[in-house]
Amino acid sequence: MVKIEKSTMQFLSDLKKHNEREWFLANRKRYEEAKGNFTDFIQATINEITSFDPILKGLEAKSCIYRINRDIRFSNDKSPYKTHFGAFILRGGNKNMHAYAGYYIHIEPGNCMLSGGAYIPPTSRLSEIREKIDEHGDELLKIASNKDFIKYFGKIEGEKLKTAPKGYPKDHKFIELLKYKSFLATTLFQDETALGKDYFSLIIRGCRAMKPMIDFLNDY
């Protein structure tokens, strides 16, 4: 049975307290073990998702997992490491995060989540998504009103414009959907749940509930 180990969560908790290169190097073995555990969890998730999203068949976890090193070049926070593990599962891996919608899994003490969708897509792609909503917004509304989607995610979320996007009337029947700059579905989990034996099945069921939205966003 694949699960997130308590030692993985403990490593991330300790890293938050000691976010410095010297400590990290001294605890490199713990990091490798924690990363290995997360990688196994993500690979098992990918393998299971392919049963209902076959386009992901053959995808490797290593192409979906983000590096733990932070890009500090333009940040006032010079902490060298992220204090979480994250993986974006989508066609071609996370290098395609601006090209396709996908499933995102995040493990962090006090902030474990399953999320997914399209996060701040480039202008050209956002325009294509809006064009689809213009013509088929009723489909996205139907997806968002599905009982399983509501059970896991409540509603579609994301940063929105304050007014209608250029080229669309303010009284457009799908105006609230057209205002979105990101299209996300997110649910949070307690650490105890993330460390539990049922977490894997919860993630899979959540991804299944999210898939219709992923399909809508990727079909453009």
N, C-alpha and C. Protein backbone atom coordinates (compact mmCIF):
# COMPACT_ATOMS: atom_id res chain seq x y z
N MET A 1 0.85 -1.19 0.00
CA MET A 1 0.00 0.00 0.00
C MET A 1 0.89 1.25 0.00
N VAL A 2 0.65 2.14 -0.95
CA VAL A 2 1.44 3.36 -1.04
C VAL A 2 0.82 4.43 -0.15
N LYS A 3 1.66 5.14 0.61
CA LYS A 3 1.17 6.18 1.50
C LYS A 3 2.29 7.18 1.77
N ILE A 4 1.89 8.35 2.22
CA ILE A 4 2.85 9.35 2.66
C ILE A 4 3.31 8.98 4.06
N GLU A 5 4.62 8.85 4.23
CA GLU A 5 5.16 8.42 5.52
C GLU A 5 5.28 9.60 6.49
N LYS A 6 5.15 9.27 7.77
CA LYS A 6 5.29 10.29 8.81
C LYS A 6 6.67 10.93 8.76
N SER A 7 7.69 10.14 8.40
CA SER A 7 9.05 10.66 8.33
C SER A 7 9.20 11.71 7.23
N THR A 8 8.40 11.59 6.18
CA THR A 8 8.42 12.58 5.09
C THR A 8 7.89 13.92 5.60
N MET A 9 6.78 13.87 6.32
CA MET A 9 6.20 15.08 6.87
C MET A 9 7.13 15.70 7.92
N GLN A 10 7.77 14.84 8.71
CA GLN A 10 8.68 15.34 9.75
C GLN A 10 9.89 16.02 9.13
N PHE A 11 10.40 15.47 8.03
CA PHE A 11 11.54 16.11 7.36
C PHE A 11 11.16 17.51 6.90
N LEU A 12 9.99 17.65 6.29
CA LEU A 12 9.56 18.96 5.79
C LEU A 12 9.36 19.94 6.95
N SER A 13 8.85 19.44 8.06
CA SER A 13 8.66 20.28 9.24
C SER A 13 10.01 20.76 9.77
N ASP A 14 10.98 19.86 9.83
CA ASP A 14 12.31 20.23 10.32
C ASP A 14 13.00 21.18 9.34
N LEU A 15 12.80 20.96 8.03
CA LEU A 15 13.40 21.83 7.03
C LEU A 15 12.89 23.26 7.18
N LYS A 16 11.63 23.41 7.52
CA LYS A 16 11.08 24.75 7.72
C LYS A 16 11.78 25.48 8.86
N LYS A 17 12.18 24.73 9.88
CA LYS A 17 12.86 25.32 11.03
C LYS A 17 14.34 25.59 10.75
N HIS A 18 14.89 24.83 9.80
CA HIS A 18 16.33 24.92 9.53
C HIS A 18 16.58 25.06 8.03
N ASN A 19 16.00 26.09 7.45
CA ASN A 19 16.09 26.25 6.00
C ASN A 19 17.41 26.91 5.61
N GLU A 20 18.44 26.09 5.64
CA GLU A 20 19.79 26.58 5.33
C GLU A 20 20.59 25.44 4.71
N ARG A 21 21.54 25.79 3.88
CA ARG A 21 22.29 24.80 3.11
C ARG A 21 23.03 23.80 4.00
N GLU A 22 23.66 24.28 5.07
CA GLU A 22 24.45 23.40 5.92
C GLU A 22 23.57 22.31 6.54
N TRP A 23 22.41 22.70 7.05
CA TRP A 23 21.50 21.72 7.64
C TRP A 23 21.01 20.74 6.59
N PHE A 24 20.68 21.25 5.42
CA PHE A 24 20.17 20.38 4.36
C PHE A 24 21.21 19.33 3.96
N LEU A 25 22.43 19.75 3.80
CA LEU A 25 23.49 18.81 3.41
C LEU A 25 23.72 17.76 4.49
N ALA A 26 23.61 18.18 5.75
CA ALA A 26 23.79 17.24 6.86
C ALA A 26 22.63 16.25 6.94
N ASN A 27 21.49 16.62 6.37
CA ASN A 27 20.29 15.77 6.41
C ASN A 27 19.91 15.28 5.01
N ARG A 28 20.90 15.19 4.15
CA ARG A 28 20.67 14.80 2.75
C ARG A 28 20.01 13.42 2.65
N LYS A 29 20.42 12.49 3.48
CA LYS A 29 19.83 11.15 3.44
C LYS A 29 18.34 11.20 3.76
N ARG A 30 17.97 12.00 4.76
CA ARG A 30 16.55 12.15 5.12
C ARG A 30 15.78 12.74 3.94
N TYR A 31 16.39 13.72 3.27
CA TYR A 31 15.74 14.32 2.11
C TYR A 31 15.53 13.28 1.02
N GLU A 32 16.55 12.49 0.72
CA GLU A 32 16.44 11.49 -0.34
C GLU A 32 15.34 10.48 -0.02
N GLU A 33 15.24 10.09 1.24
CA GLU A 33 14.20 9.13 1.65
C GLU A 33 12.82 9.76 1.52
N ALA A 34 12.68 11.01 1.94
CA ALA A 34 11.39 11.70 1.85
C ALA A 34 11.00 11.91 0.39
N LYS A 35 11.95 12.34 -0.43
CA LYS A 35 11.67 12.54 -1.85
C LYS A 35 11.30 11.21 -2.51
N GLY A 36 11.99 10.13 -2.12
CA GLY A 36 11.67 8.82 -2.67
C GLY A 36 10.25 8.40 -2.33
N ASN A 37 9.85 8.66 -1.10
CA ASN A 37 8.48 8.34 -0.67
C ASN A 37 7.46 9.13 -1.49
N PHE A 38 7.71 10.42 -1.66
CA PHE A 38 6.79 11.26 -2.45
C PHE A 38 6.77 10.82 -3.90
N THR A 39 7.93 10.49 -4.45
CA THR A 39 8.01 10.02 -5.84
C THR A 39 7.21 8.74 -6.04
N ASP A 40 7.33 7.81 -5.10
CA ASP A 40 6.56 6.56 -5.18
C ASP A 40 5.07 6.84 -5.14
N PHE A 41 4.68 7.78 -4.29
CA PHE A 41 3.26 8.14 -4.17
C PHE A 41 2.75 8.74 -5.48
N ILE A 42 3.53 9.63 -6.07
CA ILE A 42 3.11 10.28 -7.31
C ILE A 42 3.07 9.28 -8.46
N GLN A 43 4.06 8.38 -8.53
CA GLN A 43 4.05 7.39 -9.62
C GLN A 43 2.84 6.47 -9.51
N ALA A 44 2.52 6.06 -8.29
CA ALA A 44 1.33 5.22 -8.08
C ALA A 44 0.06 5.98 -8.47
N THR A 45 0.04 7.28 -8.16
CA THR A 45 -1.11 8.10 -8.53
C THR A 45 -1.24 8.19 -10.04
N ILE A 46 -0.14 8.45 -10.73
CA ILE A 46 -0.17 8.51 -12.19
C ILE A 46 -0.67 7.20 -12.77
N ASN A 47 -0.12 6.10 -12.28
CA ASN A 47 -0.51 4.78 -12.80
C ASN A 47 -2.00 4.53 -12.63
N GLU A 48 -2.56 4.99 -11.52
CA GLU A 48 -3.99 4.78 -11.27
C GLU A 48 -4.84 5.74 -12.10
N ILE A 49 -4.39 6.98 -12.25
CA ILE A 49 -5.14 7.96 -13.04
C ILE A 49 -5.28 7.52 -14.48
N THR A 50 -4.27 6.82 -15.00
CA THR A 50 -4.33 6.42 -16.41
C THR A 50 -5.51 5.50 -16.71
N SER A 51 -6.11 4.92 -15.67
CA SER A 51 -7.27 4.07 -15.90
C SER A 51 -8.48 4.88 -16.38
N PHE A 52 -8.50 6.19 -16.05
CA PHE A 52 -9.60 7.04 -16.54
C PHE A 52 -9.09 8.26 -17.32
N ASP A 53 -7.77 8.44 -17.37
CA ASP A 53 -7.17 9.51 -18.18
C ASP A 53 -5.97 8.92 -18.92
N PRO A 54 -6.24 8.08 -19.93
CA PRO A 54 -5.18 7.29 -20.58
C PRO A 54 -4.12 8.10 -21.29
N ILE A 55 -4.37 9.37 -21.56
CA ILE A 55 -3.36 10.19 -22.23
C ILE A 55 -2.09 10.33 -21.38
N LEU A 56 -2.21 10.05 -20.08
CA LEU A 56 -1.07 10.15 -19.17
C LEU A 56 -0.25 8.87 -19.10
N LYS A 57 -0.65 7.85 -19.83
CA LYS A 57 0.04 6.57 -19.79
C LYS A 57 1.51 6.75 -20.17
N GLY A 58 2.40 6.18 -19.37
CA GLY A 58 3.83 6.28 -19.61
C GLY A 58 4.50 7.48 -18.96
N LEU A 59 3.71 8.36 -18.36
CA LEU A 59 4.27 9.54 -17.70
C LEU A 59 5.04 9.12 -16.45
N GLU A 60 6.21 9.70 -16.26
CA GLU A 60 7.04 9.37 -15.10
C GLU A 60 6.95 10.46 -14.05
N ALA A 61 6.94 10.04 -12.79
CA ALA A 61 6.81 10.98 -11.68
C ALA A 61 7.89 12.04 -11.70
N LYS A 62 9.11 11.65 -12.08
CA LYS A 62 10.22 12.60 -12.03
C LYS A 62 10.02 13.79 -12.96
N SER A 63 9.19 13.64 -13.98
CA SER A 63 8.93 14.76 -14.89
C SER A 63 7.81 15.67 -14.37
N CYS A 64 7.18 15.26 -13.27
CA CYS A 64 6.07 16.02 -12.70
C CYS A 64 6.44 16.72 -11.40
N ILE A 65 7.44 16.21 -10.71
CA ILE A 65 7.80 16.73 -9.39
C ILE A 65 8.70 17.95 -9.53
N TYR A 66 8.36 18.99 -8.80
CA TYR A 66 9.15 20.23 -8.82
C TYR A 66 10.40 20.08 -7.95
N ARG A 67 11.47 20.77 -8.34
CA ARG A 67 12.70 20.79 -7.58
C ARG A 67 12.46 21.44 -6.22
N ILE A 68 13.19 20.98 -5.22
CA ILE A 68 13.02 21.55 -3.88
C ILE A 68 13.78 22.87 -3.74
N ASN A 69 14.73 23.12 -4.61
CA ASN A 69 15.48 24.38 -4.56
C ASN A 69 14.61 25.54 -5.02
N ARG A 70 14.65 26.63 -4.28
CA ARG A 70 13.90 27.83 -4.64
C ARG A 70 14.70 28.70 -5.59
N ASP A 71 14.00 29.40 -6.46
CA ASP A 71 14.64 30.42 -7.29
C ASP A 71 14.61 31.72 -6.49
N ILE A 72 15.75 32.10 -5.96
CA ILE A 72 15.80 33.26 -5.05
C ILE A 72 16.36 34.51 -5.73
N ARG A 73 16.54 34.45 -7.05
CA ARG A 73 17.17 35.58 -7.75
C ARG A 73 16.40 36.88 -7.59
N PHE A 74 15.08 36.80 -7.61
CA PHE A 74 14.27 38.02 -7.57
C PHE A 74 13.38 38.07 -6.31
N SER A 75 13.80 37.36 -5.28
CA SER A 75 13.01 37.28 -4.06
C SER A 75 13.75 37.88 -2.88
N ASN A 76 13.01 38.58 -2.03
CA ASN A 76 13.60 39.10 -0.80
C ASN A 76 13.86 37.98 0.20
N ASP A 77 13.10 36.90 0.07
CA ASP A 77 13.29 35.72 0.92
C ASP A 77 14.40 34.86 0.31
N LYS A 78 15.51 34.78 0.96
CA LYS A 78 16.66 34.05 0.42
C LYS A 78 16.76 32.62 0.96
N SER A 79 15.68 32.12 1.57
CA SER A 79 15.68 30.72 2.00
C SER A 79 15.91 29.83 0.79
N PRO A 80 16.88 28.93 0.85
CA PRO A 80 17.25 28.19 -0.36
C PRO A 80 16.31 27.07 -0.77
N TYR A 81 15.45 26.62 0.15
CA TYR A 81 14.64 25.44 -0.16
C TYR A 81 13.14 25.67 0.07
N LYS A 82 12.36 25.02 -0.76
CA LYS A 82 10.92 24.97 -0.52
C LYS A 82 10.69 24.05 0.67
N THR A 83 9.61 24.27 1.39
CA THR A 83 9.30 23.43 2.55
C THR A 83 8.11 22.54 2.26
N HIS A 84 7.98 22.16 1.00
CA HIS A 84 6.92 21.26 0.58
C HIS A 84 7.41 20.43 -0.59
N PHE A 85 6.68 19.36 -0.89
CA PHE A 85 6.85 18.61 -2.12
C PHE A 85 5.62 18.87 -2.99
N GLY A 86 5.85 19.13 -4.26
CA GLY A 86 4.73 19.38 -5.17
C GLY A 86 4.94 18.67 -6.49
N ALA A 87 3.85 18.21 -7.08
CA ALA A 87 3.92 17.55 -8.39
C ALA A 87 2.71 17.95 -9.21
N PHE A 88 2.97 18.34 -10.45
CA PHE A 88 1.91 18.70 -11.39
C PHE A 88 1.84 17.59 -12.44
N ILE A 89 0.77 16.83 -12.39
CA ILE A 89 0.59 15.67 -13.26
C ILE A 89 -0.22 16.10 -14.48
N LEU A 90 0.45 16.13 -15.62
CA LEU A 90 -0.22 16.54 -16.85
C LEU A 90 0.58 16.03 -18.04
N ARG A 91 0.00 16.15 -19.20
CA ARG A 91 0.60 15.69 -20.43
C ARG A 91 2.02 16.25 -20.59
N GLY A 92 3.02 15.37 -20.63
CA GLY A 92 4.39 15.81 -20.83
C GLY A 92 5.12 16.26 -19.58
N GLY A 93 4.45 16.27 -18.43
CA GLY A 93 5.08 16.70 -17.19
C GLY A 93 4.99 18.19 -16.96
N ASN A 94 5.56 18.65 -15.84
CA ASN A 94 5.33 20.04 -15.42
C ASN A 94 5.99 21.08 -16.32
N LYS A 95 6.86 20.66 -17.25
CA LYS A 95 7.41 21.62 -18.21
C LYS A 95 6.31 22.18 -19.11
N ASN A 96 5.17 21.47 -19.17
CA ASN A 96 4.04 21.91 -19.99
C ASN A 96 2.93 22.57 -19.18
N MET A 97 3.28 23.08 -18.00
CA MET A 97 2.25 23.61 -17.10
C MET A 97 1.48 24.78 -17.71
N HIS A 98 2.07 25.50 -18.68
CA HIS A 98 1.36 26.61 -19.31
C HIS A 98 0.65 26.20 -20.59
N ALA A 99 0.81 24.94 -20.96
CA ALA A 99 0.18 24.46 -22.20
C ALA A 99 -1.07 23.64 -21.93
N TYR A 100 -1.09 22.93 -20.80
CA TYR A 100 -2.22 22.04 -20.51
C TYR A 100 -2.66 22.18 -19.05
N ALA A 101 -3.90 21.83 -18.81
CA ALA A 101 -4.39 21.71 -17.44
C ALA A 101 -3.99 20.34 -16.90
N GLY A 102 -3.91 20.23 -15.57
CA GLY A 102 -3.52 18.97 -14.98
C GLY A 102 -3.88 18.90 -13.51
N TYR A 103 -3.36 17.86 -12.85
CA TYR A 103 -3.64 17.58 -11.45
C TYR A 103 -2.41 17.93 -10.60
N TYR A 104 -2.61 18.66 -9.52
CA TYR A 104 -1.49 19.08 -8.67
C TYR A 104 -1.64 18.49 -7.27
N ILE A 105 -0.58 17.86 -6.78
CA ILE A 105 -0.55 17.27 -5.44
C ILE A 105 0.54 17.96 -4.63
N HIS A 106 0.19 18.39 -3.43
CA HIS A 106 1.07 19.22 -2.59
C HIS A 106 1.10 18.64 -1.19
N ILE A 107 2.30 18.33 -0.71
CA ILE A 107 2.47 17.82 0.64
C ILE A 107 3.30 18.83 1.44
N GLU A 108 2.71 19.35 2.49
CA GLU A 108 3.37 20.33 3.35
C GLU A 108 2.70 20.32 4.72
N PRO A 109 3.44 20.27 5.80
CA PRO A 109 2.81 20.29 7.12
C PRO A 109 1.86 21.47 7.26
N GLY A 110 0.62 21.18 7.56
CA GLY A 110 -0.39 22.21 7.73
C GLY A 110 -1.00 22.73 6.45
N ASN A 111 -0.59 22.19 5.30
CA ASN A 111 -1.10 22.72 4.03
C ASN A 111 -1.06 21.65 2.92
N CYS A 112 -1.59 20.47 3.21
CA CYS A 112 -1.65 19.41 2.20
C CYS A 112 -2.88 19.63 1.32
N MET A 113 -2.70 19.45 0.02
CA MET A 113 -3.82 19.73 -0.87
C MET A 113 -3.79 18.91 -2.13
N LEU A 114 -4.96 18.78 -2.72
CA LEU A 114 -5.13 18.33 -4.09
C LEU A 114 -5.73 19.50 -4.84
N SER A 115 -5.09 19.88 -5.92
CA SER A 115 -5.58 20.99 -6.72
C SER A 115 -5.42 20.61 -8.18
N GLY A 116 -5.83 21.50 -9.04
CA GLY A 116 -5.66 21.23 -10.47
C GLY A 116 -6.41 22.22 -11.32
N GLY A 117 -6.16 22.12 -12.62
CA GLY A 117 -6.77 23.03 -13.56
C GLY A 117 -5.71 23.77 -14.35
N ALA A 118 -6.00 25.02 -14.68
CA ALA A 118 -5.08 25.86 -15.45
C ALA A 118 -4.72 27.07 -14.59
N TYR A 119 -3.44 27.17 -14.20
CA TYR A 119 -3.00 28.26 -13.32
C TYR A 119 -2.34 29.36 -14.15
N ILE A 120 -2.98 30.52 -14.18
CA ILE A 120 -2.49 31.69 -14.93
C ILE A 120 -1.95 31.28 -16.31
N PRO A 121 -2.81 30.74 -17.16
CA PRO A 121 -2.35 30.37 -18.50
C PRO A 121 -1.91 31.59 -19.30
N PRO A 122 -0.97 31.41 -20.24
CA PRO A 122 -0.53 32.52 -21.08
C PRO A 122 -1.71 33.17 -21.80
N THR A 123 -1.53 34.42 -22.20
CA THR A 123 -2.61 35.20 -22.80
C THR A 123 -3.26 34.48 -23.97
N SER A 124 -2.45 33.88 -24.84
CA SER A 124 -3.02 33.22 -26.01
C SER A 124 -3.89 32.04 -25.62
N ARG A 125 -3.45 31.28 -24.63
CA ARG A 125 -4.24 30.12 -24.21
C ARG A 125 -5.48 30.55 -23.43
N LEU A 126 -5.33 31.57 -22.59
CA LEU A 126 -6.48 32.09 -21.86
C LEU A 126 -7.55 32.57 -22.84
N SER A 127 -7.13 33.19 -23.92
CA SER A 127 -8.09 33.64 -24.94
C SER A 127 -8.83 32.46 -25.54
N GLU A 128 -8.11 31.36 -25.77
CA GLU A 128 -8.75 30.17 -26.34
C GLU A 128 -9.74 29.55 -25.37
N ILE A 129 -9.38 29.52 -24.10
CA ILE A 129 -10.30 29.00 -23.09
C ILE A 129 -11.57 29.87 -23.03
N ARG A 130 -11.37 31.18 -23.07
CA ARG A 130 -12.53 32.09 -23.03
C ARG A 130 -13.40 31.93 -24.27
N GLU A 131 -12.79 31.68 -25.41
CA GLU A 131 -13.57 31.46 -26.62
C GLU A 131 -14.44 30.21 -26.46
N LYS A 132 -13.88 29.18 -25.84
CA LYS A 132 -14.67 27.97 -25.62
C LYS A 132 -15.80 28.23 -24.63
N ILE A 133 -15.52 28.99 -23.57
CA ILE A 133 -16.56 29.32 -22.60
C ILE A 133 -17.66 30.14 -23.28
N ASP A 134 -17.26 31.05 -24.14
CA ASP A 134 -18.23 31.88 -24.87
C ASP A 134 -19.24 31.00 -25.60
N GLU A 135 -18.76 29.91 -26.19
CA GLU A 135 -19.63 29.04 -26.98
C GLU A 135 -20.22 27.89 -26.18
N HIS A 136 -19.47 27.41 -25.17
CA HIS A 136 -19.90 26.19 -24.46
C HIS A 136 -19.81 26.35 -22.94
N GLY A 137 -20.05 27.55 -22.45
CA GLY A 137 -19.97 27.78 -21.02
C GLY A 137 -20.94 26.94 -20.22
N ASP A 138 -22.05 26.54 -20.85
CA ASP A 138 -23.01 25.69 -20.15
C ASP A 138 -22.40 24.36 -19.76
N GLU A 139 -21.44 23.87 -20.56
CA GLU A 139 -20.76 22.61 -20.24
C GLU A 139 -19.93 22.76 -18.96
N LEU A 140 -19.22 23.87 -18.84
CA LEU A 140 -18.40 24.09 -17.66
C LEU A 140 -19.26 24.29 -16.42
N LEU A 141 -20.39 24.97 -16.58
CA LEU A 141 -21.31 25.13 -15.46
C LEU A 141 -21.86 23.78 -15.01
N LYS A 142 -22.13 22.91 -15.96
CA LYS A 142 -22.64 21.59 -15.63
C LYS A 142 -21.58 20.78 -14.88
N ILE A 143 -20.34 20.89 -15.32
CA ILE A 143 -19.23 20.20 -14.65
C ILE A 143 -19.10 20.69 -13.20
N ALA A 144 -19.16 22.00 -13.02
CA ALA A 144 -18.99 22.60 -11.69
C ALA A 144 -20.16 22.30 -10.76
N SER A 145 -21.30 21.93 -11.33
CA SER A 145 -22.48 21.63 -10.50
C SER A 145 -22.64 20.14 -10.23
N ASN A 146 -21.72 19.32 -10.76
CA ASN A 146 -21.77 17.88 -10.50
C ASN A 146 -21.57 17.61 -9.01
N LYS A 147 -22.30 16.69 -8.47
CA LYS A 147 -22.27 16.45 -7.02
C LYS A 147 -20.89 16.01 -6.53
N ASP A 148 -20.16 15.24 -7.33
CA ASP A 148 -18.83 14.80 -6.91
C ASP A 148 -17.84 15.97 -6.93
N PHE A 149 -17.97 16.85 -7.94
CA PHE A 149 -17.10 18.03 -8.00
C PHE A 149 -17.36 18.91 -6.79
N ILE A 150 -18.61 19.14 -6.49
CA ILE A 150 -18.97 19.99 -5.34
C ILE A 150 -18.50 19.35 -4.03
N LYS A 151 -18.64 18.03 -3.93
CA LYS A 151 -18.23 17.32 -2.71
C LYS A 151 -16.75 17.53 -2.42
N TYR A 152 -15.94 17.46 -3.44
CA TYR A 152 -14.49 17.57 -3.24
C TYR A 152 -13.99 19.01 -3.25
N PHE A 153 -14.52 19.84 -4.14
CA PHE A 153 -13.90 21.14 -4.39
C PHE A 153 -14.81 22.34 -4.12
N GLY A 154 -16.08 22.11 -3.99
CA GLY A 154 -17.01 23.21 -3.72
C GLY A 154 -17.35 23.98 -4.98
N LYS A 155 -16.35 24.62 -5.58
CA LYS A 155 -16.59 25.42 -6.78
C LYS A 155 -15.27 25.67 -7.50
N ILE A 156 -15.37 26.16 -8.71
CA ILE A 156 -14.18 26.60 -9.44
C ILE A 156 -13.66 27.87 -8.79
N GLU A 157 -12.34 27.95 -8.63
CA GLU A 157 -11.72 29.11 -8.00
C GLU A 157 -10.64 29.68 -8.91
N GLY A 158 -10.12 30.84 -8.53
CA GLY A 158 -9.04 31.46 -9.29
C GLY A 158 -9.17 32.96 -9.29
N GLU A 159 -8.06 33.63 -9.54
CA GLU A 159 -8.08 35.09 -9.63
C GLU A 159 -8.97 35.53 -10.78
N LYS A 160 -9.71 36.64 -10.56
CA LYS A 160 -10.67 37.09 -11.58
C LYS A 160 -10.46 38.57 -11.91
N LEU A 161 -10.86 38.92 -13.10
CA LEU A 161 -10.92 40.33 -13.48
C LEU A 161 -12.08 40.98 -12.73
N LYS A 162 -12.00 42.28 -12.55
CA LYS A 162 -13.09 42.99 -11.89
C LYS A 162 -14.22 43.32 -12.87
N THR A 163 -13.91 43.30 -14.14
CA THR A 163 -14.92 43.60 -15.15
C THR A 163 -14.77 42.61 -16.29
N ALA A 164 -15.57 42.78 -17.32
CA ALA A 164 -15.56 41.85 -18.46
C ALA A 164 -14.24 41.93 -19.20
N PRO A 165 -13.71 40.77 -19.65
CA PRO A 165 -12.49 40.82 -20.47
C PRO A 165 -12.76 41.50 -21.80
N LYS A 166 -11.73 42.02 -22.39
CA LYS A 166 -11.85 42.74 -23.66
C LYS A 166 -12.53 41.86 -24.71
N GLY A 167 -13.53 42.43 -25.37
CA GLY A 167 -14.21 41.73 -26.43
C GLY A 167 -15.49 41.03 -26.01
N TYR A 168 -15.82 41.09 -24.70
CA TYR A 168 -17.02 40.42 -24.21
C TYR A 168 -17.91 41.43 -23.49
N PRO A 169 -19.21 41.37 -23.72
CA PRO A 169 -20.13 42.31 -23.06
C PRO A 169 -20.26 42.01 -21.57
N LYS A 170 -20.53 43.06 -20.81
CA LYS A 170 -20.66 42.89 -19.36
C LYS A 170 -21.86 42.04 -18.97
N ASP A 171 -22.83 41.94 -19.87
CA ASP A 171 -24.02 41.15 -19.56
C ASP A 171 -23.99 39.77 -20.22
N HIS A 172 -22.80 39.32 -20.60
CA HIS A 172 -22.66 37.99 -21.20
C HIS A 172 -23.18 36.94 -20.21
N LYS A 173 -23.87 35.94 -20.70
CA LYS A 173 -24.50 34.97 -19.79
C LYS A 173 -23.48 34.13 -19.02
N PHE A 174 -22.24 34.08 -19.51
CA PHE A 174 -21.19 33.35 -18.80
C PHE A 174 -20.10 34.30 -18.28
N ILE A 175 -20.50 35.52 -17.97
CA ILE A 175 -19.52 36.56 -17.64
C ILE A 175 -18.67 36.20 -16.44
N GLU A 176 -19.24 35.55 -15.43
CA GLU A 176 -18.45 35.22 -14.24
C GLU A 176 -17.37 34.19 -14.55
N LEU A 177 -17.64 33.28 -15.47
CA LEU A 177 -16.62 32.33 -15.91
C LEU A 177 -15.57 33.02 -16.77
N LEU A 178 -16.00 33.94 -17.61
CA LEU A 178 -15.08 34.64 -18.51
C LEU A 178 -14.11 35.53 -17.75
N LYS A 179 -14.49 35.96 -16.55
CA LYS A 179 -13.61 36.84 -15.77
C LYS A 179 -12.40 36.11 -15.18
N TYR A 180 -12.46 34.80 -15.10
CA TYR A 180 -11.36 34.07 -14.48
C TYR A 180 -10.07 34.24 -15.27
N LYS A 181 -8.95 34.38 -14.51
CA LYS A 181 -7.61 34.37 -15.11
C LYS A 181 -6.92 33.03 -14.83
N SER A 182 -7.44 32.29 -13.86
CA SER A 182 -7.05 30.91 -13.58
C SER A 182 -8.33 30.12 -13.35
N PHE A 183 -8.27 28.84 -13.67
CA PHE A 183 -9.42 27.96 -13.48
C PHE A 183 -8.96 26.79 -12.62
N LEU A 184 -9.29 26.82 -11.33
CA LEU A 184 -8.73 25.88 -10.37
C LEU A 184 -9.81 25.18 -9.55
N ALA A 185 -9.51 23.96 -9.17
CA ALA A 185 -10.31 23.21 -8.20
C ALA A 185 -9.35 22.77 -7.11
N THR A 186 -9.67 23.06 -5.85
CA THR A 186 -8.73 22.80 -4.76
C THR A 186 -9.46 22.28 -3.53
N THR A 187 -8.85 21.29 -2.89
CA THR A 187 -9.35 20.82 -1.61
C THR A 187 -8.16 20.59 -0.69
N LEU A 188 -8.32 20.96 0.58
CA LEU A 188 -7.26 20.83 1.58
C LEU A 188 -7.50 19.62 2.47
N PHE A 189 -6.41 19.07 3.00
CA PHE A 189 -6.49 17.92 3.88
C PHE A 189 -5.70 18.17 5.16
N GLN A 190 -6.21 17.67 6.26
CA GLN A 190 -5.46 17.70 7.51
C GLN A 190 -4.24 16.78 7.38
N ASP A 191 -3.18 17.10 8.12
CA ASP A 191 -1.99 16.25 8.07
C ASP A 191 -2.32 14.81 8.41
N GLU A 192 -3.20 14.60 9.39
CA GLU A 192 -3.55 13.25 9.81
C GLU A 192 -4.18 12.47 8.65
N THR A 193 -4.96 13.17 7.84
CA THR A 193 -5.58 12.52 6.68
C THR A 193 -4.52 12.18 5.64
N ALA A 194 -3.60 13.11 5.40
CA ALA A 194 -2.55 12.90 4.41
C ALA A 194 -1.64 11.74 4.79
N LEU A 195 -1.51 11.48 6.07
CA LEU A 195 -0.67 10.39 6.54
C LEU A 195 -1.44 9.09 6.71
N GLY A 196 -2.73 9.13 6.46
CA GLY A 196 -3.57 7.96 6.67
C GLY A 196 -3.55 6.97 5.52
N LYS A 197 -4.03 5.77 5.80
CA LYS A 197 -4.03 4.70 4.80
C LYS A 197 -5.01 4.95 3.67
N ASP A 198 -5.98 5.84 3.87
CA ASP A 198 -7.00 6.09 2.84
C ASP A 198 -6.67 7.30 1.96
N TYR A 199 -5.53 7.95 2.21
CA TYR A 199 -5.23 9.19 1.47
C TYR A 199 -5.08 8.95 -0.02
N PHE A 200 -4.43 7.87 -0.39
CA PHE A 200 -4.24 7.57 -1.81
C PHE A 200 -5.58 7.46 -2.53
N SER A 201 -6.52 6.73 -1.93
CA SER A 201 -7.83 6.58 -2.57
C SER A 201 -8.59 7.89 -2.60
N LEU A 202 -8.40 8.75 -1.60
CA LEU A 202 -9.03 10.07 -1.61
C LEU A 202 -8.49 10.92 -2.76
N ILE A 203 -7.17 10.86 -2.99
CA ILE A 203 -6.56 11.61 -4.08
C ILE A 203 -7.08 11.11 -5.43
N ILE A 204 -7.16 9.81 -5.59
CA ILE A 204 -7.64 9.24 -6.86
C ILE A 204 -9.08 9.63 -7.11
N ARG A 205 -9.93 9.54 -6.10
CA ARG A 205 -11.33 9.92 -6.29
C ARG A 205 -11.46 11.40 -6.60
N GLY A 206 -10.62 12.22 -5.96
CA GLY A 206 -10.63 13.65 -6.25
C GLY A 206 -10.20 13.94 -7.68
N CYS A 207 -9.17 13.25 -8.14
CA CYS A 207 -8.72 13.44 -9.53
C CYS A 207 -9.80 13.00 -10.51
N ARG A 208 -10.49 11.94 -10.19
CA ARG A 208 -11.58 11.49 -11.07
C ARG A 208 -12.69 12.54 -11.14
N ALA A 209 -13.00 13.16 -10.00
CA ALA A 209 -14.03 14.19 -9.97
C ALA A 209 -13.59 15.44 -10.72
N MET A 210 -12.27 15.68 -10.75
CA MET A 210 -11.73 16.85 -11.41
C MET A 210 -11.58 16.68 -12.92
N LYS A 211 -11.49 15.44 -13.39
CA LYS A 211 -11.15 15.17 -14.78
C LYS A 211 -12.05 15.88 -15.79
N PRO A 212 -13.37 15.92 -15.62
CA PRO A 212 -14.18 16.64 -16.62
C PRO A 212 -13.77 18.10 -16.80
N MET A 213 -13.37 18.77 -15.72
CA MET A 213 -12.90 20.14 -15.85
C MET A 213 -11.56 20.19 -16.59
N ILE A 214 -10.67 19.23 -16.29
CA ILE A 214 -9.39 19.15 -16.99
C ILE A 214 -9.63 18.96 -18.49
N ASP A 215 -10.54 18.06 -18.84
CA ASP A 215 -10.85 17.81 -20.25
C ASP A 215 -11.37 19.07 -20.94
N PHE A 216 -12.27 19.77 -20.26
CA PHE A 216 -12.83 20.98 -20.83
C PHE A 216 -11.74 22.00 -21.11
N LEU A 217 -10.83 22.18 -20.18
CA LEU A 217 -9.77 23.18 -20.33
C LEU A 217 -8.73 22.78 -21.37
N ASN A 218 -8.56 21.48 -21.58
CA ASN A 218 -7.56 21.01 -22.54
C ASN A 218 -8.10 20.86 -23.95
N ASP A 219 -9.39 20.89 -24.10
CA ASP A 219 -10.01 20.71 -25.42
C ASP A 219 -10.28 22.08 -26.02
N TYR A 220 -9.28 22.64 -26.67
CA TYR A 220 -9.41 23.97 -27.24
C TYR A 220 -8.72 24.03 -28.60
